[in-house]
């Protein structure tokens, strides 16, 4: 990868890993978050049947969805504490990506690459201090208590996600090409 003109990584944390490992230099590393097809994963496709299934037939029950892969570093036992702090809550695990671009509000730990996605805490999503149950619960409860806040945060997160993706690509290809007829770019998603 050292020969690359540009190395795209999914987070600042991964960029630091790549730089520390000598795989690329800091000035050649740019952040490029995973894209999601916001048409395929739009909230208009919400399924009452799936909500009934996930809440065991009680669709008005608060539902928390963990979006991401299951790994020890994700500290998923913390979710057990979260569930203990909110009566009658349900928890679902799904794969990575779609919720960020589908208008669903996000509450996530301020760790790893997440602050690269939820960049404006309280506006494009909520970030809590890892391991701080009270911080996490207060942000979840704020969303559960206000459908207006859910819509506002969800819409702002979606808008910010796509605007930042477009801006990054524009900067990368205009700023890095510097009159060259081609650009050798690598993309790495290892490690995180």
C-alpha atoms as a PDB file:
ATOM      1  CA  UNK A   1       0.000   0.000   0.000  1.00  0.00           C
ATOM      2  CA  UNK A   2       2.958   2.364   0.403  1.00  0.00           C
ATOM      3  CA  UNK A   3       3.034   2.824  -3.374  1.00  0.00           C
ATOM      4  CA  UNK A   4      -0.559   4.090  -3.350  1.00  0.00           C
ATOM      5  CA  UNK A   5      -1.219   7.754  -3.976  1.00  0.00           C
ATOM      6  CA  UNK A   6      -4.077   7.553  -1.506  1.00  0.00           C
ATOM      7  CA  UNK A   7      -5.276   5.020   1.078  1.00  0.00           C
ATOM      8  CA  UNK A   8      -8.949   5.127   2.038  1.00  0.00           C
ATOM      9  CA  UNK A   9      -9.912   3.736   5.458  1.00  0.00           C
ATOM     10  CA  UNK A  10     -13.229   3.545   7.319  1.00  0.00           C
ATOM     11  CA  UNK A  11     -12.225   5.515  10.433  1.00  0.00           C
ATOM     12  CA  UNK A  12      -9.581   7.735  11.989  1.00  0.00           C
ATOM     13  CA  UNK A  13      -8.790   4.880  14.378  1.00  0.00           C
ATOM     14  CA  UNK A  14      -8.017   2.569  11.446  1.00  0.00           C
ATOM     15  CA  UNK A  15      -5.995   5.324   9.744  1.00  0.00           C
ATOM     16  CA  UNK A  16      -3.829   5.618  12.859  1.00  0.00           C
ATOM     17  CA  UNK A  17      -3.355   1.816  12.869  1.00  0.00           C
ATOM     18  CA  UNK A  18      -2.336   1.837   9.205  1.00  0.00           C
ATOM     19  CA  UNK A  19       0.116   4.697   9.782  1.00  0.00           C
ATOM     20  CA  UNK A  20       1.601   3.074  12.904  1.00  0.00           C
ATOM     21  CA  UNK A  21       2.054  -0.213  11.011  1.00  0.00           C
ATOM     22  CA  UNK A  22       3.896   1.616   8.234  1.00  0.00           C
ATOM     23  CA  UNK A  23       1.319   0.603   5.639  1.00  0.00           C
ATOM     24  CA  UNK A  24       0.802   4.211   4.549  1.00  0.00           C
ATOM     25  CA  UNK A  25       1.849   7.699   5.572  1.00  0.00           C
ATOM     26  CA  UNK A  26      -0.544  10.002   7.408  1.00  0.00           C
ATOM     27  CA  UNK A  27      -0.705  12.495   4.534  1.00  0.00           C
ATOM     28  CA  UNK A  28      -1.851   9.741   2.147  1.00  0.00           C
ATOM     29  CA  UNK A  29      -4.656   8.415   4.388  1.00  0.00           C
ATOM     30  CA  UNK A  30      -8.244   9.645   4.033  1.00  0.00           C
ATOM     31  CA  UNK A  31     -11.436   8.526   5.757  1.00  0.00           C
ATOM     32  CA  UNK A  32     -14.147   6.975   3.572  1.00  0.00           C
ATOM     33  CA  UNK A  33     -17.047   5.554   5.505  1.00  0.00           C
ATOM     34  CA  UNK A  34     -19.054   2.651   4.216  1.00  0.00           C
ATOM     35  CA  UNK A  35     -21.903   3.667   1.961  1.00  0.00           C
ATOM     36  CA  UNK A  36     -25.441   2.346   2.271  1.00  0.00           C
ATOM     37  CA  UNK A  37     -28.178   2.300  -0.348  1.00  0.00           C
ATOM     38  CA  UNK A  38     -30.577   4.752   1.311  1.00  0.00           C
ATOM     39  CA  UNK A  39     -33.347   3.865  -1.140  1.00  0.00           C
ATOM     40  CA  UNK A  40     -33.289   0.145  -0.294  1.00  0.00           C
ATOM     41  CA  UNK A  41     -33.035   0.823   3.446  1.00  0.00           C
ATOM     42  CA  UNK A  42     -35.473   3.761   3.668  1.00  0.00           C
ATOM     43  CA  UNK A  43     -37.879   4.036   6.638  1.00  0.00           C
ATOM     44  CA  UNK A  44     -40.846   3.798   4.257  1.00  0.00           C
ATOM     45  CA  UNK A  45     -40.066   0.052   4.207  1.00  0.00           C
ATOM     46  CA  UNK A  46     -40.680  -0.276   7.941  1.00  0.00           C
ATOM     47  CA  UNK A  47     -42.494  -3.536   8.586  1.00  0.00           C
ATOM     48  CA  UNK A  48     -45.149  -3.760  11.269  1.00  0.00           C
ATOM     49  CA  UNK A  49     -44.886  -7.538  10.963  1.00  0.00           C
ATOM     50  CA  UNK A  50     -41.164  -7.438  11.767  1.00  0.00           C
ATOM     51  CA  UNK A  51     -41.738  -5.006  14.642  1.00  0.00           C
ATOM     52  CA  UNK A  52     -44.357  -7.396  16.048  1.00  0.00           C
ATOM     53  CA  UNK A  53     -41.901 -10.260  15.722  1.00  0.00           C
ATOM     54  CA  UNK A  54     -39.016  -8.378  17.373  1.00  0.00           C
ATOM     55  CA  UNK A  55     -41.198  -7.190  20.269  1.00  0.00           C
ATOM     56  CA  UNK A  56     -42.919 -10.540  20.826  1.00  0.00           C
ATOM     57  CA  UNK A  57     -46.299  -9.211  19.707  1.00  0.00           C
ATOM     58  CA  UNK A  58     -46.163  -5.938  21.671  1.00  0.00           C
ATOM     59  CA  UNK A  59     -45.168  -3.346  19.007  1.00  0.00           C
ATOM     60  CA  UNK A  60     -45.380  -0.345  21.355  1.00  0.00           C
ATOM     61  CA  UNK A  61     -42.551  -1.815  23.446  1.00  0.00           C
ATOM     62  CA  UNK A  62     -39.319   0.205  23.148  1.00  0.00           C
ATOM     63  CA  UNK A  63     -36.930  -1.565  20.770  1.00  0.00           C
ATOM     64  CA  UNK A  64     -33.166  -1.069  20.712  1.00  0.00           C
ATOM     65  CA  UNK A  65     -31.347  -2.368  17.663  1.00  0.00           C
ATOM     66  CA  UNK A  66     -27.620  -3.148  17.761  1.00  0.00           C
ATOM     67  CA  UNK A  67     -26.240  -2.526  14.271  1.00  0.00           C
ATOM     68  CA  UNK A  68     -22.837  -4.069  13.751  1.00  0.00           C
ATOM     69  CA  UNK A  69     -20.892  -7.258  13.832  1.00  0.00           C
ATOM     70  CA  UNK A  70     -20.694  -9.316  16.981  1.00  0.00           C
ATOM     71  CA  UNK A  71     -17.203  -9.147  18.434  1.00  0.00           C
ATOM     72  CA  UNK A  72     -15.615  -9.067  21.890  1.00  0.00           C
ATOM     73  CA  UNK A  73     -14.328  -5.520  21.290  1.00  0.00           C
ATOM     74  CA  UNK A  74     -17.928  -4.322  20.802  1.00  0.00           C
ATOM     75  CA  UNK A  75     -18.579  -4.702  24.568  1.00  0.00           C
ATOM     76  CA  UNK A  76     -22.032  -6.176  23.982  1.00  0.00           C
ATOM     77  CA  UNK A  77     -22.486  -7.206  27.641  1.00  0.00           C
ATOM     78  CA  UNK A  78     -22.973  -3.491  28.267  1.00  0.00           C
ATOM     79  CA  UNK A  79     -26.337  -3.853  26.481  1.00  0.00           C
ATOM     80  CA  UNK A  80     -27.491  -6.185  29.259  1.00  0.00           C
ATOM     81  CA  UNK A  81     -26.987  -3.308  31.726  1.00  0.00           C
ATOM     82  CA  UNK A  82     -28.857  -0.955  29.366  1.00  0.00           C
ATOM     83  CA  UNK A  83     -31.785  -3.380  29.217  1.00  0.00           C
ATOM     84  CA  UNK A  84     -31.824  -3.563  33.018  1.00  0.00           C
ATOM     85  CA  UNK A  85     -32.139   0.226  33.155  1.00  0.00           C
ATOM     86  CA  UNK A  86     -35.194   0.514  30.891  1.00  0.00           C
ATOM     87  CA  UNK A  87     -38.275  -1.520  31.839  1.00  0.00           C
ATOM     88  CA  UNK A  88     -39.919  -3.697  29.172  1.00  0.00           C
ATOM     89  CA  UNK A  89     -37.313  -2.973  26.503  1.00  0.00           C
ATOM     90  CA  UNK A  90     -36.499  -5.364  23.651  1.00  0.00           C
ATOM     91  CA  UNK A  91     -33.147  -5.780  21.911  1.00  0.00           C
ATOM     92  CA  UNK A  92     -32.450  -6.904  18.336  1.00  0.00           C
ATOM     93  CA  UNK A  93     -29.116  -7.555  16.615  1.00  0.00           C
ATOM     94  CA  UNK A  94     -28.769  -6.820  12.899  1.00  0.00           C
ATOM     95  CA  UNK A  95     -25.889  -6.524  10.438  1.00  0.00           C
ATOM     96  CA  UNK A  96     -23.881  -3.373   9.869  1.00  0.00           C
ATOM     97  CA  UNK A  97     -24.765  -0.241   7.940  1.00  0.00           C
ATOM     98  CA  UNK A  98     -28.399   0.275   6.902  1.00  0.00           C
ATOM     99  CA  UNK A  99     -29.640   2.229   9.910  1.00  0.00           C
ATOM    100  CA  UNK A 100     -27.119   5.048   9.488  1.00  0.00           C
ATOM    101  CA  UNK A 101     -28.625   5.986   6.118  1.00  0.00           C
ATOM    102  CA  UNK A 102     -32.228   5.103   6.755  1.00  0.00           C
ATOM    103  CA  UNK A 103     -33.436   7.892   9.004  1.00  0.00           C
ATOM    104  CA  UNK A 104     -33.229   5.845  12.214  1.00  0.00           C
ATOM    105  CA  UNK A 105     -31.733   7.804  15.152  1.00  0.00           C
ATOM    106  CA  UNK A 106     -28.443   6.436  16.485  1.00  0.00           C
ATOM    107  CA  UNK A 107     -27.109   6.112  20.046  1.00  0.00           C
ATOM    108  CA  UNK A 108     -23.559   4.754  19.976  1.00  0.00           C
ATOM    109  CA  UNK A 109     -20.401   4.549  22.065  1.00  0.00           C
ATOM    110  CA  UNK A 110     -17.839   7.311  21.537  1.00  0.00           C
ATOM    111  CA  UNK A 111     -15.159   4.787  20.524  1.00  0.00           C
ATOM    112  CA  UNK A 112     -13.241   3.456  17.533  1.00  0.00           C
ATOM    113  CA  UNK A 113     -14.576   4.714  14.231  1.00  0.00           C
ATOM    114  CA  UNK A 114     -18.035   5.700  15.485  1.00  0.00           C
ATOM    115  CA  UNK A 115     -17.217   9.407  16.076  1.00  0.00           C
ATOM    116  CA  UNK A 116     -16.256   9.549  12.377  1.00  0.00           C
ATOM    117  CA  UNK A 117     -19.862   8.652  11.551  1.00  0.00           C
ATOM    118  CA  UNK A 118     -21.788  10.431  14.328  1.00  0.00           C
ATOM    119  CA  UNK A 119     -19.764  13.623  14.106  1.00  0.00           C
ATOM    120  CA  UNK A 120     -22.164  16.072  15.745  1.00  0.00           C
ATOM    121  CA  UNK A 121     -23.214  14.645  19.104  1.00  0.00           C
ATOM    122  CA  UNK A 122     -26.821  15.569  19.830  1.00  0.00           C
ATOM    123  CA  UNK A 123     -27.508  16.584  16.225  1.00  0.00           C
ATOM    124  CA  UNK A 124     -26.643  13.680  13.884  1.00  0.00           C
ATOM    125  CA  UNK A 125     -26.943  11.047  16.623  1.00  0.00           C
ATOM    126  CA  UNK A 126     -25.998  10.597  20.251  1.00  0.00           C
ATOM    127  CA  UNK A 127     -22.623   9.458  21.562  1.00  0.00           C
ATOM    128  CA  UNK A 128     -22.200   8.126  25.071  1.00  0.00           C
ATOM    129  CA  UNK A 129     -19.008   7.582  27.040  1.00  0.00           C
ATOM    130  CA  UNK A 130     -18.077   3.888  26.743  1.00  0.00           C
ATOM    131  CA  UNK A 131     -19.063   2.027  29.912  1.00  0.00           C
ATOM    132  CA  UNK A 132     -21.108   4.951  31.304  1.00  0.00           C
ATOM    133  CA  UNK A 133     -24.551   3.392  31.777  1.00  0.00           C
ATOM    134  CA  UNK A 134     -26.224   6.599  32.987  1.00  0.00           C
ATOM    135  CA  UNK A 135     -24.937   8.537  29.971  1.00  0.00           C
ATOM    136  CA  UNK A 136     -26.178   5.850  27.588  1.00  0.00           C
ATOM    137  CA  UNK A 137     -29.586   5.486  29.272  1.00  0.00           C
ATOM    138  CA  UNK A 138     -30.207   9.248  29.328  1.00  0.00           C
ATOM    139  CA  UNK A 139     -29.677   9.461  25.576  1.00  0.00           C
ATOM    140  CA  UNK A 140     -31.850   6.446  24.814  1.00  0.00           C
ATOM    141  CA  UNK A 141     -34.614   7.764  27.087  1.00  0.00           C
ATOM    142  CA  UNK A 142     -34.491  11.200  25.415  1.00  0.00           C
ATOM    143  CA  UNK A 143     -35.233   9.502  22.093  1.00  0.00           C
ATOM    144  CA  UNK A 144     -37.872   7.149  23.509  1.00  0.00           C
ATOM    145  CA  UNK A 145     -39.709  10.101  25.055  1.00  0.00           C
ATOM    146  CA  UNK A 146     -39.817  12.254  21.901  1.00  0.00           C
ATOM    147  CA  UNK A 147     -40.891  11.094  18.455  1.00  0.00           C
ATOM    148  CA  UNK A 148     -40.029  14.607  17.225  1.00  0.00           C
ATOM    149  CA  UNK A 149     -36.428  14.195  18.431  1.00  0.00           C
ATOM    150  CA  UNK A 150     -36.282  10.725  16.838  1.00  0.00           C
ATOM    151  CA  UNK A 151     -37.277  12.168  13.462  1.00  0.00           C
ATOM    152  CA  UNK A 152     -34.984  15.192  13.777  1.00  0.00           C
ATOM    153  CA  UNK A 153     -31.890  13.169  14.744  1.00  0.00           C
ATOM    154  CA  UNK A 154     -32.629  10.453  12.175  1.00  0.00           C
ATOM    155  CA  UNK A 155     -33.058  12.933   9.314  1.00  0.00           C
ATOM    156  CA  UNK A 156     -29.985  14.967  10.311  1.00  0.00           C
ATOM    157  CA  UNK A 157     -27.868  11.811  10.562  1.00  0.00           C
ATOM    158  CA  UNK A 158     -28.911  10.686   7.099  1.00  0.00           C
ATOM    159  CA  UNK A 159     -28.321  14.109   5.537  1.00  0.00           C
ATOM    160  CA  UNK A 160     -24.911  14.475   7.200  1.00  0.00           C
ATOM    161  CA  UNK A 161     -23.839  10.961   6.199  1.00  0.00           C
ATOM    162  CA  UNK A 162     -24.469  11.513   2.477  1.00  0.00           C
ATOM    163  CA  UNK A 163     -23.124  15.080   2.440  1.00  0.00           C
ATOM    164  CA  UNK A 164     -19.856  13.976   4.074  1.00  0.00           C
ATOM    165  CA  UNK A 165     -19.476  11.013   1.684  1.00  0.00           C
ATOM    166  CA  UNK A 166     -19.904  13.250  -1.362  1.00  0.00           C
ATOM    167  CA  UNK A 167     -17.579  15.960  -0.022  1.00  0.00           C
ATOM    168  CA  UNK A 168     -14.844  13.449   0.747  1.00  0.00           C
ATOM    169  CA  UNK A 169     -14.907  11.900  -2.711  1.00  0.00           C
ATOM    170  CA  UNK A 170     -14.858  15.328  -4.314  1.00  0.00           C
ATOM    171  CA  UNK A 171     -11.854  16.404  -2.187  1.00  0.00           C
ATOM    172  CA  UNK A 172      -9.996  13.140  -2.773  1.00  0.00           C
ATOM    173  CA  UNK A 173     -10.266  13.142  -6.517  1.00  0.00           C
ATOM    174  CA  UNK A 174      -9.739  16.854  -7.064  1.00  0.00           C
ATOM    175  CA  UNK A 175      -7.086  17.413  -4.409  1.00  0.00           C
ATOM    176  CA  UNK A 176      -5.078  14.244  -4.813  1.00  0.00           C
ATOM    177  CA  UNK A 177      -4.909  13.957  -8.595  1.00  0.00           C
ATOM    178  CA  UNK A 178      -2.906  17.192  -9.037  1.00  0.00           C
ATOM    179  CA  UNK A 179      -2.943  17.021 -12.808  1.00  0.00           C
ATOM    180  CA  UNK A 180      -2.161  13.292 -13.027  1.00  0.00           C
ATOM    181  CA  UNK A 181      -4.095  11.215 -15.510  1.00  0.00           C
ATOM    182  CA  UNK A 182      -4.581   8.402 -12.983  1.00  0.00           C
ATOM    183  CA  UNK A 183      -4.606   7.838  -9.255  1.00  0.00           C
ATOM    184  CA  UNK A 184      -3.713   4.591  -7.453  1.00  0.00           C
ATOM    185  CA  UNK A 185      -6.031   4.262  -4.464  1.00  0.00           C
ATOM    186  CA  UNK A 186      -6.257   1.432  -1.933  1.00  0.00           C
ATOM    187  CA  UNK A 187      -9.151   0.833   0.427  1.00  0.00           C
ATOM    188  CA  UNK A 188      -8.629  -0.932   3.732  1.00  0.00           C
ATOM    189  CA  UNK A 189     -11.211  -2.167   6.179  1.00  0.00           C
ATOM    190  CA  UNK A 190      -8.956  -4.438   8.220  1.00  0.00           C
ATOM    191  CA  UNK A 191      -8.587  -4.286  11.945  1.00  0.00           C
ATOM    192  CA  UNK A 192     -11.756  -2.533  13.115  1.00  0.00           C
END
